[in-house]
């Protein structure tokens, strides 16, 4: 089997309502970059990555100008070989970053082909530890009013979630305390509650926040600092608060350093920026070797396969950037768990005609 065509696409997708966190501010839309890989056997694989609103054009050009010529003629089933070829080809200008996003999108498409060729759903091809995984609703809601935030929590509970996440990181810590307290009162003591600071704090600020928020029984505190501050993560973790991080770590070496420093309790690689399926699985196995659980960030329609494949799975994040309205078969939830699809490959079937209205034409930067 050989790759014959690699075709990227670039889309800007408005969100149903403006979302917000402490780093990116207001987020009215996100970018999605897709890649379709065609083979001479008639099997086509699909991959994608996404941004919070910038950089999509550069990722698309990397795919079209650098990776497409490199890949044509390769066997898509040799995922490890192809992954290393792509990584080395872009290493000098990448080592993660935009290059990591481009490599990830292609790698996802290759694993889709590989699983289709074997007639297996991706989660079973990768290991098949379970057919379902606990899921939490990941809110992007820092600037919601308290009433809006509580209404969102009610909606999540009505959808069947048993675990929820809200944003923290206001300039005034009192706002965070009041909002977390209100949410805990609304959802009760038995619903799992995660908190996400989106890299907002210095160490001294985080220490004060943890002292104040500990009474509300947070399951984890996510991204208290920027990812480079490994020692600060370790210092905070030593205070007994579980730390989740990983969405801004893009190379396996970065994950290894954070784990070995003791700065993370829940490892959160995102397959759309950490090297695709291949990169995510390497991180998950490295976490397992250190007796650490692995979770996910975004892209729940893909991550459900990966978490169901491994023995050290924790929670799947069901993200507000979800693509459900553009998928023929969105993620299925049952009793607080996401169910892995049984279709060959990753099973994502985009409604391409519905997406077309949001396509950014090559060279059109006014919409990016």
Foldseek 3Di string as FASTA:
>chain_A
DWWAFKAKFKFKAAFPDWFAAQPPGTQGIKMKMKIWIADPVGDIFIFIFIGSADDRLVLNCCRVPPVGVVRGGDDLLPLVVSLVVQCVSCVVVCQFDSSLLNLLRSSLRSLLRNQVVVQWESLVVLAQQDQKAFAEEEGRHAPPDLVRVLVVVVVRVVVQALEYEDEDQDPDLVVVLVSLVSNCVSNDDRRAYAYENQARDDLVVVVVSCVSCVVSPHPAYENVHDLVPLLSLQVVVVVVGAYEYAPPDAELVSLLVSVVSNRHQEYEHESSGNRHLVRVVVSQVSCVVSVHAYEYDDPLLQVRSVLSNDDRHHYYYPYSNDPVVFWPDDWDDDNSMTGQDGGGGSPTDGNVVVRVVRTDDNPRPPSD
